[in-house]
């Protein structure tokens, strides 16, 4: 699996908030706070992919940011804050 979860933005000081394993064996990580990514590890190929959505954010605290999986979907929490426009 490796020793760390990659942060897609070079030099970003972000934290991974949550992770979950889906039925296909892919690991999904809520990765970051003010402009997070859904980082996904395909364990078969050993490669990471990263997806984001405009306006998606959460507080940079260990207590916020969560994800869940249902069938082929990954759901993530979102917070309005920091003067950002509502999504």
N, C-alpha and C. Protein backbone atom coordinates (compact mmCIF):
# COMPACT_ATOMS: atom_id res chain seq x y z
N UNK A 1 0.83 -1.20 0.00
CA UNK A 1 0.00 0.00 0.00
C UNK A 1 0.86 1.25 0.00
N UNK A 2 2.05 1.19 0.51
CA UNK A 2 2.89 2.38 0.52
C UNK A 2 2.86 3.03 1.89
N UNK A 3 3.72 4.01 2.06
CA UNK A 3 3.87 4.62 3.37
C UNK A 3 3.06 5.89 3.56
N UNK A 4 2.44 6.42 2.49
CA UNK A 4 1.70 7.66 2.64
C UNK A 4 0.61 7.77 1.58
N UNK A 5 -0.33 8.67 1.83
CA UNK A 5 -1.37 9.01 0.86
C UNK A 5 -0.89 10.25 0.14
N UNK A 6 -0.76 10.22 -1.18
CA UNK A 6 -0.25 11.40 -1.88
C UNK A 6 -1.23 12.56 -1.83
N UNK A 7 -0.69 13.76 -1.68
CA UNK A 7 -1.48 14.98 -1.75
C UNK A 7 -1.33 15.52 -3.17
N UNK A 8 -2.42 15.64 -3.94
CA UNK A 8 -2.31 16.04 -5.34
C UNK A 8 -1.69 17.41 -5.57
N UNK A 9 -1.85 18.36 -4.64
CA UNK A 9 -1.32 19.71 -4.82
C UNK A 9 0.07 19.76 -4.18
N UNK A 10 1.08 20.03 -4.98
CA UNK A 10 2.45 20.05 -4.48
C UNK A 10 2.61 21.13 -3.42
N UNK A 11 3.17 20.77 -2.29
CA UNK A 11 3.43 21.72 -1.21
C UNK A 11 2.23 21.98 -0.31
N UNK A 12 1.11 21.34 -0.56
CA UNK A 12 -0.07 21.57 0.28
C UNK A 12 0.13 20.93 1.65
N UNK A 13 -0.31 21.61 2.68
CA UNK A 13 -0.23 21.07 4.04
C UNK A 13 -1.64 20.66 4.45
N UNK A 14 -2.12 19.61 3.87
CA UNK A 14 -3.48 19.14 4.11
C UNK A 14 -3.44 17.80 4.85
N UNK A 15 -4.58 17.40 5.32
CA UNK A 15 -4.69 16.12 6.02
C UNK A 15 -5.71 15.23 5.33
N UNK A 16 -5.53 13.93 5.48
CA UNK A 16 -6.55 12.97 5.06
C UNK A 16 -7.57 12.90 6.19
N UNK A 17 -8.84 13.08 5.86
CA UNK A 17 -9.88 13.12 6.88
C UNK A 17 -10.55 11.77 7.13
N UNK A 18 -10.69 10.97 6.09
CA UNK A 18 -11.41 9.71 6.24
C UNK A 18 -11.01 8.80 5.09
N UNK A 19 -11.22 7.51 5.26
CA UNK A 19 -10.99 6.57 4.18
C UNK A 19 -11.96 5.41 4.29
N UNK A 20 -12.18 4.74 3.15
CA UNK A 20 -13.09 3.61 3.12
C UNK A 20 -12.69 2.69 1.97
N UNK A 21 -12.92 1.42 2.14
CA UNK A 21 -12.63 0.41 1.13
C UNK A 21 -13.95 -0.02 0.50
N UNK A 22 -14.03 0.01 -0.84
CA UNK A 22 -15.28 -0.39 -1.48
C UNK A 22 -15.29 -1.89 -1.80
N UNK A 23 -16.40 -2.38 -2.32
CA UNK A 23 -16.55 -3.81 -2.61
C UNK A 23 -15.61 -4.30 -3.70
N UNK A 24 -15.08 -3.40 -4.53
CA UNK A 24 -14.14 -3.77 -5.58
C UNK A 24 -12.69 -3.75 -5.10
N UNK A 25 -12.48 -3.41 -3.84
CA UNK A 25 -11.13 -3.39 -3.28
C UNK A 25 -10.40 -2.07 -3.48
N UNK A 26 -11.11 -1.03 -3.95
CA UNK A 26 -10.48 0.28 -4.11
C UNK A 26 -10.57 1.05 -2.79
N UNK A 27 -9.48 1.71 -2.45
CA UNK A 27 -9.41 2.53 -1.25
C UNK A 27 -9.70 3.97 -1.62
N UNK A 28 -10.71 4.58 -0.99
CA UNK A 28 -11.09 5.97 -1.25
C UNK A 28 -10.73 6.80 -0.02
N UNK A 29 -10.12 7.98 -0.26
CA UNK A 29 -9.65 8.83 0.82
C UNK A 29 -10.20 10.24 0.65
N UNK A 30 -10.81 10.79 1.71
CA UNK A 30 -11.20 12.20 1.75
C UNK A 30 -9.91 12.94 2.04
N UNK A 31 -9.33 13.56 1.01
CA UNK A 31 -7.95 14.03 1.04
C UNK A 31 -7.89 15.55 0.94
N UNK A 32 -7.74 16.23 2.07
CA UNK A 32 -7.63 17.69 2.06
C UNK A 32 -8.82 18.36 2.71
N UNK A 33 -8.76 19.72 2.78
CA UNK A 33 -9.78 20.48 3.49
C UNK A 33 -10.40 21.59 2.65
N UNK A 34 -9.65 22.65 2.36
CA UNK A 34 -10.22 23.81 1.69
C UNK A 34 -10.53 23.54 0.22
N UNK A 35 -9.85 22.63 -0.39
CA UNK A 35 -10.11 22.21 -1.76
C UNK A 35 -9.77 20.72 -1.85
N UNK A 36 -10.57 19.87 -1.21
CA UNK A 36 -10.21 18.46 -1.08
C UNK A 36 -10.31 17.69 -2.39
N UNK A 37 -9.70 16.54 -2.37
CA UNK A 37 -9.80 15.57 -3.46
C UNK A 37 -10.36 14.29 -2.90
N UNK A 38 -11.07 13.56 -3.74
CA UNK A 38 -11.38 12.18 -3.45
C UNK A 38 -10.24 11.41 -4.11
N UNK A 39 -9.32 10.92 -3.30
CA UNK A 39 -8.17 10.17 -3.81
C UNK A 39 -8.50 8.69 -3.74
N UNK A 40 -8.29 7.99 -4.84
CA UNK A 40 -8.66 6.58 -4.94
C UNK A 40 -7.44 5.76 -5.33
N UNK A 41 -7.17 4.73 -4.56
CA UNK A 41 -6.09 3.80 -4.85
C UNK A 41 -6.67 2.55 -5.48
N UNK A 42 -6.24 2.26 -6.68
CA UNK A 42 -6.56 0.99 -7.33
C UNK A 42 -5.46 0.03 -6.90
N UNK A 43 -5.78 -0.86 -5.99
CA UNK A 43 -4.75 -1.74 -5.42
C UNK A 43 -4.19 -2.72 -6.44
N UNK A 44 -4.97 -3.06 -7.46
CA UNK A 44 -4.47 -3.98 -8.48
C UNK A 44 -3.33 -3.35 -9.29
N UNK A 45 -3.50 -2.09 -9.68
CA UNK A 45 -2.48 -1.42 -10.48
C UNK A 45 -1.49 -0.63 -9.63
N UNK A 46 -1.87 -0.35 -8.36
CA UNK A 46 -1.00 0.43 -7.47
C UNK A 46 -0.99 1.91 -7.80
N UNK A 47 -2.00 2.39 -8.54
CA UNK A 47 -2.02 3.80 -8.94
C UNK A 47 -3.13 4.56 -8.21
N UNK A 48 -2.86 5.86 -7.98
CA UNK A 48 -3.82 6.77 -7.37
C UNK A 48 -4.48 7.62 -8.44
N UNK A 49 -5.74 7.94 -8.26
CA UNK A 49 -6.43 8.95 -9.07
C UNK A 49 -7.05 9.94 -8.09
N UNK A 50 -7.30 11.18 -8.56
CA UNK A 50 -7.80 12.24 -7.69
C UNK A 50 -8.91 12.99 -8.40
N UNK A 51 -10.03 13.20 -7.70
CA UNK A 51 -11.16 13.95 -8.23
C UNK A 51 -11.55 15.02 -7.23
N UNK A 52 -12.02 16.15 -7.75
CA UNK A 52 -12.50 17.21 -6.86
C UNK A 52 -13.77 17.80 -7.44
N UNK A 53 -14.40 18.70 -6.71
CA UNK A 53 -15.62 19.36 -7.16
C UNK A 53 -15.55 20.81 -6.72
N UNK A 54 -15.88 21.75 -7.60
CA UNK A 54 -15.86 23.18 -7.22
C UNK A 54 -16.77 23.44 -6.01
N UNK A 55 -16.25 24.20 -5.05
CA UNK A 55 -17.02 24.56 -3.87
C UNK A 55 -16.98 23.54 -2.75
N UNK A 56 -16.38 22.38 -3.00
CA UNK A 56 -16.30 21.33 -1.97
C UNK A 56 -15.24 21.73 -0.95
N UNK A 57 -15.58 21.66 0.34
CA UNK A 57 -14.61 21.98 1.38
C UNK A 57 -15.07 21.43 2.72
N UNK A 58 -14.15 21.46 3.67
CA UNK A 58 -14.46 21.13 5.05
C UNK A 58 -13.47 21.85 5.95
N UNK A 59 -13.76 21.88 7.21
CA UNK A 59 -12.88 22.49 8.20
C UNK A 59 -11.59 21.66 8.31
N UNK A 60 -10.45 22.33 8.44
CA UNK A 60 -9.17 21.63 8.56
C UNK A 60 -9.00 21.16 10.00
N UNK A 61 -9.79 20.18 10.38
CA UNK A 61 -9.78 19.61 11.72
C UNK A 61 -9.97 18.10 11.59
N UNK A 62 -9.40 17.36 12.49
CA UNK A 62 -9.53 15.90 12.46
C UNK A 62 -10.96 15.44 12.70
N UNK A 63 -11.83 16.33 13.18
CA UNK A 63 -13.19 15.94 13.53
C UNK A 63 -14.19 16.10 12.40
N UNK A 64 -13.78 16.66 11.27
CA UNK A 64 -14.69 16.92 10.16
C UNK A 64 -14.20 16.20 8.91
N UNK A 65 -15.11 15.95 7.99
CA UNK A 65 -14.79 15.32 6.72
C UNK A 65 -14.97 13.82 6.81
N UNK A 66 -15.96 13.31 6.11
CA UNK A 66 -16.22 11.88 6.14
C UNK A 66 -16.70 11.39 4.79
N UNK A 67 -16.50 10.11 4.53
CA UNK A 67 -16.97 9.50 3.28
C UNK A 67 -17.63 8.17 3.58
N UNK A 68 -18.47 7.76 2.65
CA UNK A 68 -19.13 6.46 2.71
C UNK A 68 -19.29 5.92 1.31
N UNK A 69 -19.55 4.63 1.21
CA UNK A 69 -19.73 3.97 -0.08
C UNK A 69 -21.07 3.27 -0.08
N UNK A 70 -21.79 3.38 -1.20
CA UNK A 70 -23.01 2.62 -1.44
C UNK A 70 -23.02 2.22 -2.89
N UNK A 71 -23.02 0.90 -3.13
CA UNK A 71 -22.94 0.35 -4.48
C UNK A 71 -21.74 0.94 -5.21
N UNK A 72 -21.93 1.62 -6.34
CA UNK A 72 -20.81 2.19 -7.11
C UNK A 72 -20.58 3.67 -6.82
N UNK A 73 -21.08 4.16 -5.70
CA UNK A 73 -21.00 5.59 -5.40
C UNK A 73 -20.22 5.84 -4.12
N UNK A 74 -19.46 6.92 -4.12
CA UNK A 74 -18.77 7.39 -2.91
C UNK A 74 -19.41 8.72 -2.53
N UNK A 75 -19.83 8.84 -1.28
CA UNK A 75 -20.47 10.05 -0.77
C UNK A 75 -19.52 10.73 0.21
N UNK A 76 -19.45 12.06 0.13
CA UNK A 76 -18.56 12.81 1.00
C UNK A 76 -19.30 13.98 1.63
N UNK A 77 -18.92 14.31 2.86
CA UNK A 77 -19.49 15.48 3.52
C UNK A 77 -18.95 16.75 2.89
N UNK A 78 -19.68 17.85 3.07
CA UNK A 78 -19.31 19.15 2.54
C UNK A 78 -19.69 20.20 3.58
N UNK A 79 -18.90 21.27 3.65
CA UNK A 79 -19.17 22.36 4.58
C UNK A 79 -19.11 23.69 3.84
N UNK A 80 -20.00 24.57 4.20
CA UNK A 80 -19.94 25.94 3.69
C UNK A 80 -19.16 26.75 4.71
N UNK A 81 -18.13 27.42 4.27
CA UNK A 81 -17.37 28.21 5.23
C UNK A 81 -16.23 28.96 4.58
N UNK A 82 -15.58 29.81 5.35
CA UNK A 82 -14.40 30.51 4.90
C UNK A 82 -14.65 31.53 3.82
N UNK A 83 -15.88 32.01 3.69
CA UNK A 83 -16.19 33.02 2.68
C UNK A 83 -16.34 32.47 1.29
N UNK A 84 -16.31 31.15 1.14
CA UNK A 84 -16.46 30.54 -0.18
C UNK A 84 -17.91 30.64 -0.64
N UNK A 85 -18.10 30.68 -1.93
CA UNK A 85 -19.45 30.69 -2.49
C UNK A 85 -20.11 29.35 -2.25
N UNK A 86 -21.39 29.37 -1.96
CA UNK A 86 -22.13 28.13 -1.76
C UNK A 86 -22.17 27.35 -3.06
N UNK A 87 -21.97 26.02 -3.00
CA UNK A 87 -22.00 25.19 -4.21
C UNK A 87 -23.38 25.11 -4.81
